[in-house]
Each structure stands twice: as structure tokens, then as C-alpha cells.
Amino acid sequence: MLYIWISLYNSIQKTISNEEIALISYVIFFFLIIIVVFVLFFIMFQKRKNQLLLDKIKQQKEFEEELAKTQQEIQEETLKHVGRELHDNVGQMLVLATMQMKSAVKVVGEEVKSKVANASQYLKESLDEVRALSKSLNSDVIFNLGFDATVKNEIERLNKSGLIQANLTINGDNVEFENHKDEIILFRILQEFTSNTLKYAEAEHLNVEINYHKEFLNIKVEDDGNGFELATAEQGSGMINMKKRAELINADFQLNTQPENGTKLNLKYPYRTL
């Protein structure tokens, strides 16, 4: 009889142990499920958060690019208008003034003839300068002339001004731009650099080098001016305009300068299709 009770007790103990083990297993499994669900939820939340952040960055970049393009178009229209005004109005006034001065040379006395002739020559030179300037401002003219010819005209204009000695070197076979708007942007970057050189650098020489490669165009511009500390320099509108324009055409923009050691621009433009 005692043996029977002992056997029954051991059986009950085994049953309780198995139930406890099963219960513990269920609890552990339940917690594992909760942890897995939480981890999956956290991962999905992070992915969604990162995607939203990427979308926001992308939208901001697209907005900035569109804004830069709009600003570029407005600037081009303004420059085109100024160029036309210089050519059509100011240019015509100078033509008339030059004709009047030539007529005056014929009727004035000998004592003032040389002065009138000099004034006539100055008017003629001013007319040439206005015409050259109007060409460099009007994008339609740049389209018609092409990039190389436009840069050559700008170099000639700088040399005629007497403010600086400019030199141009072109290497490699000319590549026809498929996206002609990029020609304008590249030329405007060069104009911005030369303008800053004339304003601030107190340079005597300016060298422009255009290198045509198979996959890209490399433009190098260098002046022998007083330079500046690039790291601490204030980011003025000129430098910002150059960088923004380079970004618009996916060009690599590198500006290097040191005090008393001039300024160098290295521009690498990958040919873009329409």
C-alpha cells in the first residue's frame, strides 16, 4: 500500500514538473515573440525614418537646384537685356558721337585739331569696348560664336582695357557642346573669376588654359595677384556664384589661393547630353 502511494506521489511530481516546464517554455516563447516583433517594428521605423530623411534631403537638393537654375535664367535674361541696350542704344550714341567728331576735325582750326582727333579716337575705342562687352553679356551671341571664340573675345577685351595682361591657351581638339547652356555657365564662371581678379587681386597677369579631353573639359585660370586665405575668407557672392554654377553642370570646382601667391581655378566639366 505504501509503495502505491509513493508511486502516485512521484507521478504527481513529474506531472507538475512537466507543466511548469511547459509554462516556462510558453512564457519564454511569448517574450521572444514580443522581442522579435519589437525589433522588427524598430527596424521598420528606422528604415521609414531614414527614407523620409533621404526624401527630405532629395527634395531640398532639387529645390536648391531649381532655385539656382531660376536665378541663372534671371541673370542671363538681365545680362542679355543689358547687352542689347549697350549695343543698340549706347553703341548707336557713340557711333553718332564719333561721326560728329570726325566732321568736327575737318572744320576746326589747326590749334585744336589734334585734340579733337584724339577725342574722336577715344570715342572709337569706347565704341569698340562697348561692342565687345555687349557680346560677352548677350548669351545669344555666345551661342552663335561658340565657347572658344567667346573666351578669345573676353581675353582681347581684357587686354584692350590695359588693366591686366591676359593670355589664352587652347589644347586638344574642340568638342561640340551638346548642351549649349553649359557653354554659357562655363563662360560666366570665367567672367566671375576675371572680374574678381580685376576688383581685388591687383594682378598684372591672367592666364587661361582650356584643355579638351575625350571625356571632359578642363579649364585652368590663374592670376599673379595678392591672393587670400581661403579657409578664413568671407564667402562673397562671386565665389558662391561660381560654385553654384559649377554644381548646376556637375563640374568639379577647385579654387586654390594663398596670400601673396595668386589665385588658381581648376574646373573639370564632364560633357553632358541634352
C-alpha atoms as a PDB file:
ATOM      1  CA  MET A   1       0.000   0.000   0.000  1.00  0.00           C
ATOM      2  CA  LEU A   2       2.832   2.362   0.899  1.00  0.00           C
ATOM      3  CA  TYR A   3       4.504   1.531  -2.382  1.00  0.00           C
ATOM      4  CA  ILE A   4       1.359   2.564  -4.260  1.00  0.00           C
ATOM      5  CA  TRP A   5       1.209   5.946  -2.502  1.00  0.00           C
ATOM      6  CA  ILE A   6       4.889   6.600  -3.223  1.00  0.00           C
ATOM      7  CA  SER A   7       4.403   5.797  -6.898  1.00  0.00           C
ATOM      8  CA  LEU A   8       1.354   8.070  -7.083  1.00  0.00           C
ATOM      9  CA  TYR A   9       3.289  10.899  -5.410  1.00  0.00           C
ATOM     10  CA  ASN A  10       6.197  10.564  -7.835  1.00  0.00           C
ATOM     11  CA  SER A  11       3.775  10.577 -10.758  1.00  0.00           C
ATOM     12  CA  ILE A  12       2.119  13.780  -9.499  1.00  0.00           C
ATOM     13  CA  GLN A  13       5.561  15.388  -9.042  1.00  0.00           C
ATOM     14  CA  LYS A  14       6.505  14.519 -12.610  1.00  0.00           C
ATOM     15  CA  THR A  15       3.214  15.913 -13.892  1.00  0.00           C
ATOM     16  CA  ILE A  16       3.724  19.184 -12.024  1.00  0.00           C
ATOM     17  CA  SER A  17       7.305  19.493 -13.249  1.00  0.00           C
ATOM     18  CA  ASN A  18       6.300  18.943 -16.862  1.00  0.00           C
ATOM     19  CA  GLU A  19       3.522  21.519 -16.554  1.00  0.00           C
ATOM     20  CA  GLU A  20       5.911  24.019 -15.022  1.00  0.00           C
ATOM     21  CA  ILE A  21       8.454  23.416 -17.767  1.00  0.00           C
ATOM     22  CA  ALA A  22       5.747  23.840 -20.390  1.00  0.00           C
ATOM     23  CA  LEU A  23       4.545  27.026 -18.741  1.00  0.00           C
ATOM     24  CA  ILE A  24       8.063  28.448 -18.559  1.00  0.00           C
ATOM     25  CA  SER A  25       8.602  27.480 -22.195  1.00  0.00           C
ATOM     26  CA  TYR A  26       5.390  29.233 -23.209  1.00  0.00           C
ATOM     27  CA  VAL A  27       6.380  32.358 -21.259  1.00  0.00           C
ATOM     28  CA  ILE A  28       9.852  32.412 -22.838  1.00  0.00           C
ATOM     29  CA  PHE A  29       8.385  31.857 -26.298  1.00  0.00           C
ATOM     30  CA  PHE A  30       5.877  34.658 -25.704  1.00  0.00           C
ATOM     31  CA  PHE A  31       8.603  37.059 -24.644  1.00  0.00           C
ATOM     32  CA  LEU A  32      10.738  36.060 -27.617  1.00  0.00           C
ATOM     33  CA  ILE A  33       7.821  36.799 -29.920  1.00  0.00           C
ATOM     34  CA  ILE A  34       7.376  40.200 -28.293  1.00  0.00           C
ATOM     35  CA  ILE A  35      11.111  40.968 -28.636  1.00  0.00           C
ATOM     36  CA  VAL A  36      11.150  39.875 -32.305  1.00  0.00           C
ATOM     37  CA  VAL A  37       8.064  41.982 -33.061  1.00  0.00           C
ATOM     38  CA  PHE A  38       9.612  44.951 -31.250  1.00  0.00           C
ATOM     39  CA  VAL A  39      12.912  44.577 -33.117  1.00  0.00           C
ATOM     40  CA  LEU A  40      11.115  44.257 -36.454  1.00  0.00           C
ATOM     41  CA  PHE A  41       8.974  47.274 -35.648  1.00  0.00           C
ATOM     42  CA  PHE A  42      12.054  49.265 -34.626  1.00  0.00           C
ATOM     43  CA  ILE A  43      13.896  48.298 -37.821  1.00  0.00           C
ATOM     44  CA  MET A  44      10.910  49.243 -39.979  1.00  0.00           C
ATOM     45  CA  PHE A  45      10.537  52.502 -38.071  1.00  0.00           C
ATOM     46  CA  GLN A  46      14.221  53.343 -38.593  1.00  0.00           C
ATOM     47  CA  LYS A  47      14.022  52.458 -42.283  1.00  0.00           C
ATOM     48  CA  ARG A  48      10.945  54.622 -42.669  1.00  0.00           C
ATOM     49  CA  LYS A  49      12.597  57.439 -40.742  1.00  0.00           C
ATOM     50  CA  ASN A  50      15.773  57.196 -42.850  1.00  0.00           C
ATOM     51  CA  GLN A  51      13.733  57.089 -46.060  1.00  0.00           C
ATOM     52  CA  LEU A  52      11.800  60.195 -45.032  1.00  0.00           C
ATOM     53  CA  LEU A  53      15.082  61.916 -44.205  1.00  0.00           C
ATOM     54  CA  LEU A  54      16.552  60.914 -47.578  1.00  0.00           C
ATOM     55  CA  ASP A  55      13.409  62.112 -49.345  1.00  0.00           C
ATOM     56  CA  LYS A  56      13.625  65.408 -47.493  1.00  0.00           C
ATOM     57  CA  ILE A  57      17.288  65.825 -48.440  1.00  0.00           C
ATOM     58  CA  LYS A  58      16.477  64.937 -52.044  1.00  0.00           C
ATOM     59  CA  GLN A  59      13.594  67.426 -52.151  1.00  0.00           C
ATOM     60  CA  GLN A  60      15.796  70.113 -50.603  1.00  0.00           C
ATOM     61  CA  LYS A  61      18.521  69.435 -53.156  1.00  0.00           C
ATOM     62  CA  GLU A  62      16.036  69.518 -56.035  1.00  0.00           C
ATOM     63  CA  PHE A  63      14.596  72.760 -54.670  1.00  0.00           C
ATOM     64  CA  GLU A  64      18.055  74.333 -54.415  1.00  0.00           C
ATOM     65  CA  GLU A  65      18.943  73.168 -57.929  1.00  0.00           C
ATOM     66  CA  GLU A  66      15.685  74.553 -59.315  1.00  0.00           C
ATOM     67  CA  LEU A  67      16.248  77.807 -57.444  1.00  0.00           C
ATOM     68  CA  ALA A  68      19.801  78.035 -58.782  1.00  0.00           C
ATOM     69  CA  LYS A  69      18.562  77.354 -62.329  1.00  0.00           C
ATOM     70  CA  THR A  70      15.895  80.029 -61.965  1.00  0.00           C
ATOM     71  CA  GLN A  71      18.444  82.516 -60.650  1.00  0.00           C
ATOM     72  CA  GLN A  72      20.753  81.611 -63.518  1.00  0.00           C
ATOM     73  CA  GLU A  73      17.987  82.176 -66.067  1.00  0.00           C
ATOM     74  CA  ILE A  74      17.055  85.519 -64.499  1.00  0.00           C
ATOM     75  CA  GLN A  75      20.691  86.625 -64.508  1.00  0.00           C
ATOM     76  CA  GLU A  76      21.089  85.567 -68.123  1.00  0.00           C
ATOM     77  CA  GLU A  77      17.975  87.468 -69.169  1.00  0.00           C
ATOM     78  CA  THR A  78      19.210  90.546 -67.292  1.00  0.00           C
ATOM     79  CA  LEU A  79      22.666  90.330 -68.859  1.00  0.00           C
ATOM     80  CA  LYS A  80      21.113  89.769 -72.276  1.00  0.00           C
ATOM     81  CA  HIS A  81      18.967  92.868 -71.830  1.00  0.00           C
ATOM     82  CA  VAL A  82      21.958  94.943 -70.705  1.00  0.00           C
ATOM     83  CA  GLY A  83      23.990  93.640 -73.639  1.00  0.00           C
ATOM     84  CA  ARG A  84      21.290  94.611 -76.112  1.00  0.00           C
ATOM     85  CA  GLU A  85      20.924  98.046 -74.542  1.00  0.00           C
ATOM     86  CA  LEU A  86      24.672  98.598 -74.768  1.00  0.00           C
ATOM     87  CA  HIS A  87      24.741  97.542 -78.398  1.00  0.00           C
ATOM     88  CA  ASP A  88      21.560  99.208 -79.604  1.00  0.00           C
ATOM     89  CA  ASN A  89      21.390 102.390 -77.548  1.00  0.00           C
ATOM     90  CA  VAL A  90      24.763 103.257 -76.062  1.00  0.00           C
ATOM     91  CA  GLY A  91      26.549 101.870 -79.107  1.00  0.00           C
ATOM     92  CA  GLN A  92      24.458 103.927 -81.503  1.00  0.00           C
ATOM     93  CA  MET A  93      25.023 107.075 -79.449  1.00  0.00           C
ATOM     94  CA  LEU A  94      28.765 106.506 -79.572  1.00  0.00           C
ATOM     95  CA  VAL A  95      28.585 105.927 -83.337  1.00  0.00           C
ATOM     96  CA  LEU A  96      26.832 109.266 -83.790  1.00  0.00           C
ATOM     97  CA  ALA A  97      29.300 110.988 -81.475  1.00  0.00           C
ATOM     98  CA  THR A  98      32.225 109.506 -83.415  1.00  0.00           C
ATOM     99  CA  MET A  99      30.753 110.714 -86.712  1.00  0.00           C
ATOM    100  CA  GLN A 100      30.264 114.209 -85.274  1.00  0.00           C
ATOM    101  CA  MET A 101      33.834 114.317 -84.019  1.00  0.00           C
ATOM    102  CA  LYS A 102      35.164 113.237 -87.418  1.00  0.00           C
ATOM    103  CA  SER A 103      33.165 116.014 -89.020  1.00  0.00           C
ATOM    104  CA  ALA A 104      34.479 118.482 -86.450  1.00  0.00           C
ATOM    105  CA  VAL A 105      38.086 117.570 -87.244  1.00  0.00           C
ATOM    106  CA  LYS A 106      37.581 118.895 -90.767  1.00  0.00           C
ATOM    107  CA  VAL A 107      36.339 122.346 -89.757  1.00  0.00           C
ATOM    108  CA  VAL A 108      38.216 123.231 -86.559  1.00  0.00           C
ATOM    109  CA  GLY A 109      41.400 125.226 -86.517  1.00  0.00           C
ATOM    110  CA  GLU A 110      44.802 123.634 -86.525  1.00  0.00           C
ATOM    111  CA  GLU A 111      45.420 124.546 -82.885  1.00  0.00           C
ATOM    112  CA  VAL A 112      42.626 122.244 -81.652  1.00  0.00           C
ATOM    113  CA  LYS A 113      42.537 119.708 -84.482  1.00  0.00           C
ATOM    114  CA  SER A 114      44.829 117.242 -82.672  1.00  0.00           C
ATOM    115  CA  LYS A 115      42.715 117.412 -79.519  1.00  0.00           C
ATOM    116  CA  VAL A 116      39.528 116.787 -81.465  1.00  0.00           C
ATOM    117  CA  ALA A 117      41.207 113.925 -83.343  1.00  0.00           C
ATOM    118  CA  ASN A 118      42.294 112.385 -80.024  1.00  0.00           C
ATOM    119  CA  ALA A 119      38.779 112.715 -78.652  1.00  0.00           C
ATOM    120  CA  SER A 120      37.445 111.037 -81.791  1.00  0.00           C
ATOM    121  CA  GLN A 121      39.898 108.166 -81.309  1.00  0.00           C
ATOM    122  CA  TYR A 122      38.863 107.750 -77.670  1.00  0.00           C
ATOM    123  CA  LEU A 123      35.219 107.598 -78.755  1.00  0.00           C
ATOM    124  CA  LYS A 124      36.064 104.943 -81.319  1.00  0.00           C
ATOM    125  CA  GLU A 125      37.889 102.874 -78.694  1.00  0.00           C
ATOM    126  CA  SER A 126      34.950 103.281 -76.319  1.00  0.00           C
ATOM    127  CA  LEU A 127      32.617 102.079 -79.057  1.00  0.00           C
ATOM    128  CA  ASP A 128      34.788  99.002 -79.626  1.00  0.00           C
ATOM    129  CA  GLU A 129      34.788  98.306 -75.877  1.00  0.00           C
ATOM    130  CA  VAL A 130      31.006  98.646 -75.637  1.00  0.00           C
ATOM    131  CA  ARG A 131      30.530  96.295 -78.576  1.00  0.00           C
ATOM    132  CA  ALA A 132      32.916  93.721 -77.090  1.00  0.00           C
ATOM    133  CA  LEU A 133      31.215  93.998 -73.707  1.00  0.00           C
ATOM    134  CA  SER A 134      27.750  93.623 -75.220  1.00  0.00           C
ATOM    135  CA  LYS A 135      28.901  90.406 -76.911  1.00  0.00           C
ATOM    136  CA  SER A 136      30.166  88.946 -73.646  1.00  0.00           C
ATOM    137  CA  LEU A 137      26.886  89.769 -71.884  1.00  0.00           C
ATOM    138  CA  ASN A 138      24.445  88.516 -74.507  1.00  0.00           C
ATOM    139  CA  SER A 139      24.010  84.728 -74.333  1.00  0.00           C
ATOM    140  CA  ASP A 140      22.570  84.634 -77.875  1.00  0.00           C
ATOM    141  CA  VAL A 141      25.872  85.980 -79.191  1.00  0.00           C
ATOM    142  CA  ILE A 142      27.781  83.381 -77.156  1.00  0.00           C
ATOM    143  CA  PHE A 143      25.611  80.630 -78.686  1.00  0.00           C
ATOM    144  CA  ASN A 144      26.434  81.879 -82.172  1.00  0.00           C
ATOM    145  CA  LEU A 145      30.145  82.436 -81.602  1.00  0.00           C
ATOM    146  CA  GLY A 146      30.862  79.276 -79.640  1.00  0.00           C
ATOM    147  CA  PHE A 147      32.765  78.832 -76.404  1.00  0.00           C
ATOM    148  CA  ASP A 148      36.336  79.250 -77.659  1.00  0.00           C
ATOM    149  CA  ALA A 149      35.581  82.372 -79.712  1.00  0.00           C
ATOM    150  CA  THR A 150      33.717  83.950 -76.796  1.00  0.00           C
ATOM    151  CA  VAL A 151      36.627  83.352 -74.420  1.00  0.00           C
ATOM    152  CA  LYS A 152      39.024  84.788 -77.025  1.00  0.00           C
ATOM    153  CA  ASN A 153      36.885  87.931 -77.285  1.00  0.00           C
ATOM    154  CA  GLU A 154      36.915  88.279 -73.499  1.00  0.00           C
ATOM    155  CA  ILE A 155      40.707  87.923 -73.373  1.00  0.00           C
ATOM    156  CA  GLU A 156      41.070  90.556 -76.111  1.00  0.00           C
ATOM    157  CA  ARG A 157      38.722  92.873 -74.214  1.00  0.00           C
ATOM    158  CA  LEU A 158      40.761  92.495 -71.037  1.00  0.00           C
ATOM    159  CA  ASN A 159      43.983  93.249 -72.899  1.00  0.00           C
ATOM    160  CA  LYS A 160      42.483  96.317 -74.560  1.00  0.00           C
ATOM    161  CA  SER A 161      41.387  97.648 -71.177  1.00  0.00           C
ATOM    162  CA  GLY A 162      45.013  97.995 -70.142  1.00  0.00           C
ATOM    163  CA  LEU A 163      44.153  96.801 -66.634  1.00  0.00           C
ATOM    164  CA  ILE A 164      45.817  93.403 -66.961  1.00  0.00           C
ATOM    165  CA  GLN A 165      47.838  91.281 -69.385  1.00  0.00           C
ATOM    166  CA  ALA A 166      45.741  88.231 -70.261  1.00  0.00           C
ATOM    167  CA  ASN A 167      46.822  85.116 -72.115  1.00  0.00           C
ATOM    168  CA  LEU A 168      44.773  82.229 -73.546  1.00  0.00           C
ATOM    169  CA  THR A 169      45.972  78.713 -74.445  1.00  0.00           C
ATOM    170  CA  ILE A 170      43.711  76.086 -76.040  1.00  0.00           C
ATOM    171  CA  ASN A 171      44.874  72.458 -76.190  1.00  0.00           C
ATOM    172  CA  GLY A 172      43.233  69.465 -77.852  1.00  0.00           C
ATOM    173  CA  ASP A 173      40.535  69.149 -80.492  1.00  0.00           C
ATOM    174  CA  ASN A 174      37.472  71.299 -79.969  1.00  0.00           C
ATOM    175  CA  VAL A 175      34.444  69.336 -78.750  1.00  0.00           C
ATOM    176  CA  GLU A 176      30.984  70.462 -79.779  1.00  0.00           C
ATOM    177  CA  PHE A 177      28.777  71.025 -76.746  1.00  0.00           C
ATOM    178  CA  GLU A 178      25.503  69.107 -76.926  1.00  0.00           C
ATOM    179  CA  ASN A 179      24.090  71.155 -74.070  1.00  0.00           C
ATOM    180  CA  HIS A 180      24.777  74.722 -75.204  1.00  0.00           C
ATOM    181  CA  LYS A 181      23.517  76.198 -71.942  1.00  0.00           C
ATOM    182  CA  ASP A 182      26.583  74.699 -70.287  1.00  0.00           C
ATOM    183  CA  GLU A 183      28.773  76.886 -72.515  1.00  0.00           C
ATOM    184  CA  ILE A 184      27.124  79.953 -71.014  1.00  0.00           C
ATOM    185  CA  ILE A 185      27.580  78.716 -67.460  1.00  0.00           C
ATOM    186  CA  LEU A 186      31.253  77.873 -68.000  1.00  0.00           C
ATOM    187  CA  PHE A 187      31.859  81.279 -69.551  1.00  0.00           C
ATOM    188  CA  ARG A 188      30.073  83.032 -66.673  1.00  0.00           C
ATOM    189  CA  ILE A 189      32.335  81.217 -64.192  1.00  0.00           C
ATOM    190  CA  LEU A 190      35.361  82.510 -66.109  1.00  0.00           C
ATOM    191  CA  GLN A 191      33.870  86.003 -66.175  1.00  0.00           C
ATOM    192  CA  GLU A 192      33.280  85.898 -62.423  1.00  0.00           C
ATOM    193  CA  PHE A 193      36.876  84.859 -61.803  1.00  0.00           C
ATOM    194  CA  THR A 194      38.338  87.577 -64.044  1.00  0.00           C
ATOM    195  CA  SER A 195      36.004  90.151 -62.511  1.00  0.00           C
ATOM    196  CA  ASN A 196      37.194  89.256 -59.011  1.00  0.00           C
ATOM    197  CA  THR A 197      40.792  89.382 -60.226  1.00  0.00           C
ATOM    198  CA  LEU A 198      40.330  92.904 -61.568  1.00  0.00           C
ATOM    199  CA  LYS A 199      38.470  94.082 -58.444  1.00  0.00           C
ATOM    200  CA  TYR A 200      40.565  92.651 -55.651  1.00  0.00           C
ATOM    201  CA  ALA A 201      43.707  90.817 -56.757  1.00  0.00           C
ATOM    202  CA  GLU A 202      45.807  93.739 -58.051  1.00  0.00           C
ATOM    203  CA  ALA A 203      47.222  91.216 -60.519  1.00  0.00           C
ATOM    204  CA  GLU A 204      49.380  92.019 -63.525  1.00  0.00           C
ATOM    205  CA  HIS A 205      48.870  88.781 -65.434  1.00  0.00           C
ATOM    206  CA  LEU A 206      46.000  86.379 -66.033  1.00  0.00           C
ATOM    207  CA  ASN A 207      46.438  83.011 -67.737  1.00  0.00           C
ATOM    208  CA  VAL A 208      43.548  80.943 -69.072  1.00  0.00           C
ATOM    209  CA  GLU A 209      44.120  77.378 -70.272  1.00  0.00           C
ATOM    210  CA  ILE A 210      41.408  75.313 -71.989  1.00  0.00           C
ATOM    211  CA  ASN A 211      42.157  71.602 -72.354  1.00  0.00           C
ATOM    212  CA  TYR A 212      39.830  69.417 -74.409  1.00  0.00           C
ATOM    213  CA  HIS A 213      39.890  65.756 -73.392  1.00  0.00           C
ATOM    214  CA  LYS A 214      37.809  62.880 -74.683  1.00  0.00           C
ATOM    215  CA  GLU A 215      35.511  62.629 -71.657  1.00  0.00           C
ATOM    216  CA  PHE A 216      35.774  66.075 -70.096  1.00  0.00           C
ATOM    217  CA  LEU A 217      36.858  69.673 -70.499  1.00  0.00           C
ATOM    218  CA  ASN A 218      39.477  71.031 -68.117  1.00  0.00           C
ATOM    219  CA  ILE A 219      39.728  74.790 -67.621  1.00  0.00           C
ATOM    220  CA  LYS A 220      42.556  76.328 -65.607  1.00  0.00           C
ATOM    221  CA  VAL A 221      42.673  80.006 -64.722  1.00  0.00           C
ATOM    222  CA  GLU A 222      45.464  81.652 -62.752  1.00  0.00           C
ATOM    223  CA  ASP A 223      46.377  85.183 -61.735  1.00  0.00           C
ATOM    224  CA  ASP A 224      49.506  86.531 -60.024  1.00  0.00           C
ATOM    225  CA  GLY A 225      47.597  88.756 -57.611  1.00  0.00           C
ATOM    226  CA  ASN A 226      47.867  89.098 -53.861  1.00  0.00           C
ATOM    227  CA  GLY A 227      45.667  86.059 -53.102  1.00  0.00           C
ATOM    228  CA  PHE A 228      43.954  85.443 -49.769  1.00  0.00           C
ATOM    229  CA  GLU A 229      43.370  82.894 -47.005  1.00  0.00           C
ATOM    230  CA  LEU A 230      40.695  80.639 -48.448  1.00  0.00           C
ATOM    231  CA  ALA A 231      39.815  78.981 -45.130  1.00  0.00           C
ATOM    232  CA  THR A 232      39.058  82.265 -43.374  1.00  0.00           C
ATOM    233  CA  ALA A 233      37.847  84.286 -46.363  1.00  0.00           C
ATOM    234  CA  GLU A 234      34.286  85.545 -46.415  1.00  0.00           C
ATOM    235  CA  GLN A 235      32.202  83.631 -48.933  1.00  0.00           C
ATOM    236  CA  GLY A 236      31.115  86.547 -51.120  1.00  0.00           C
ATOM    237  CA  SER A 237      28.559  86.450 -53.889  1.00  0.00           C
ATOM    238  CA  GLY A 238      31.262  85.991 -56.527  1.00  0.00           C
ATOM    239  CA  MET A 239      32.638  82.784 -55.045  1.00  0.00           C
ATOM    240  CA  ILE A 240      29.164  81.469 -54.242  1.00  0.00           C
ATOM    241  CA  ASN A 241      28.002  82.164 -57.813  1.00  0.00           C
ATOM    242  CA  MET A 242      30.957  80.264 -59.257  1.00  0.00           C
ATOM    243  CA  LYS A 243      30.354  77.244 -57.008  1.00  0.00           C
ATOM    244  CA  LYS A 244      26.597  77.183 -57.654  1.00  0.00           C
ATOM    245  CA  ARG A 245      27.091  77.422 -61.393  1.00  0.00           C
ATOM    246  CA  ALA A 246      29.624  74.600 -61.317  1.00  0.00           C
ATOM    247  CA  GLU A 247      27.153  72.435 -59.384  1.00  0.00           C
ATOM    248  CA  LEU A 248      24.463  73.073 -61.992  1.00  0.00           C
ATOM    249  CA  ILE A 249      26.553  71.400 -64.698  1.00  0.00           C
ATOM    250  CA  ASN A 250      28.110  68.711 -62.447  1.00  0.00           C
ATOM    251  CA  ALA A 251      31.545  70.286 -62.825  1.00  0.00           C
ATOM    252  CA  ASP A 252      34.332  69.734 -60.307  1.00  0.00           C
ATOM    253  CA  PHE A 253      35.244  73.158 -58.883  1.00  0.00           C
ATOM    254  CA  GLN A 254      38.629  73.643 -57.188  1.00  0.00           C
ATOM    255  CA  LEU A 255      39.820  77.076 -56.057  1.00  0.00           C
ATOM    256  CA  ASN A 256      43.280  77.418 -54.520  1.00  0.00           C
ATOM    257  CA  THR A 257      44.875  80.578 -53.223  1.00  0.00           C
ATOM    258  CA  GLN A 258      47.411  81.837 -50.701  1.00  0.00           C
ATOM    259  CA  PRO A 259      48.349  85.359 -49.590  1.00  0.00           C
ATOM    260  CA  GLU A 260      50.867  86.929 -51.967  1.00  0.00           C
ATOM    261  CA  ASN A 261      50.766  83.827 -54.169  1.00  0.00           C
ATOM    262  CA  GLY A 262      47.882  84.454 -56.567  1.00  0.00           C
ATOM    263  CA  THR A 263      44.675  82.510 -57.140  1.00  0.00           C
ATOM    264  CA  LYS A 264      44.112  79.380 -59.216  1.00  0.00           C
ATOM    265  CA  LEU A 265      40.886  77.880 -60.503  1.00  0.00           C
ATOM    266  CA  ASN A 266      40.690  74.311 -61.777  1.00  0.00           C
ATOM    267  CA  LEU A 267      37.367  73.440 -63.414  1.00  0.00           C
ATOM    268  CA  LYS A 268      36.650  69.937 -64.696  1.00  0.00           C
ATOM    269  CA  TYR A 269      33.472  69.683 -66.750  1.00  0.00           C
ATOM    270  CA  PRO A 270      32.177  66.265 -67.910  1.00  0.00           C
ATOM    271  CA  TYR A 271      30.438  66.663 -71.278  1.00  0.00           C
ATOM    272  CA  ARG A 272      26.682  66.449 -70.716  1.00  0.00           C
ATOM    273  CA  THR A 273      24.000  65.441 -73.188  1.00  0.00           C
ATOM    274  CA  LEU A 274      20.638  67.138 -73.503  1.00  0.00           C
END
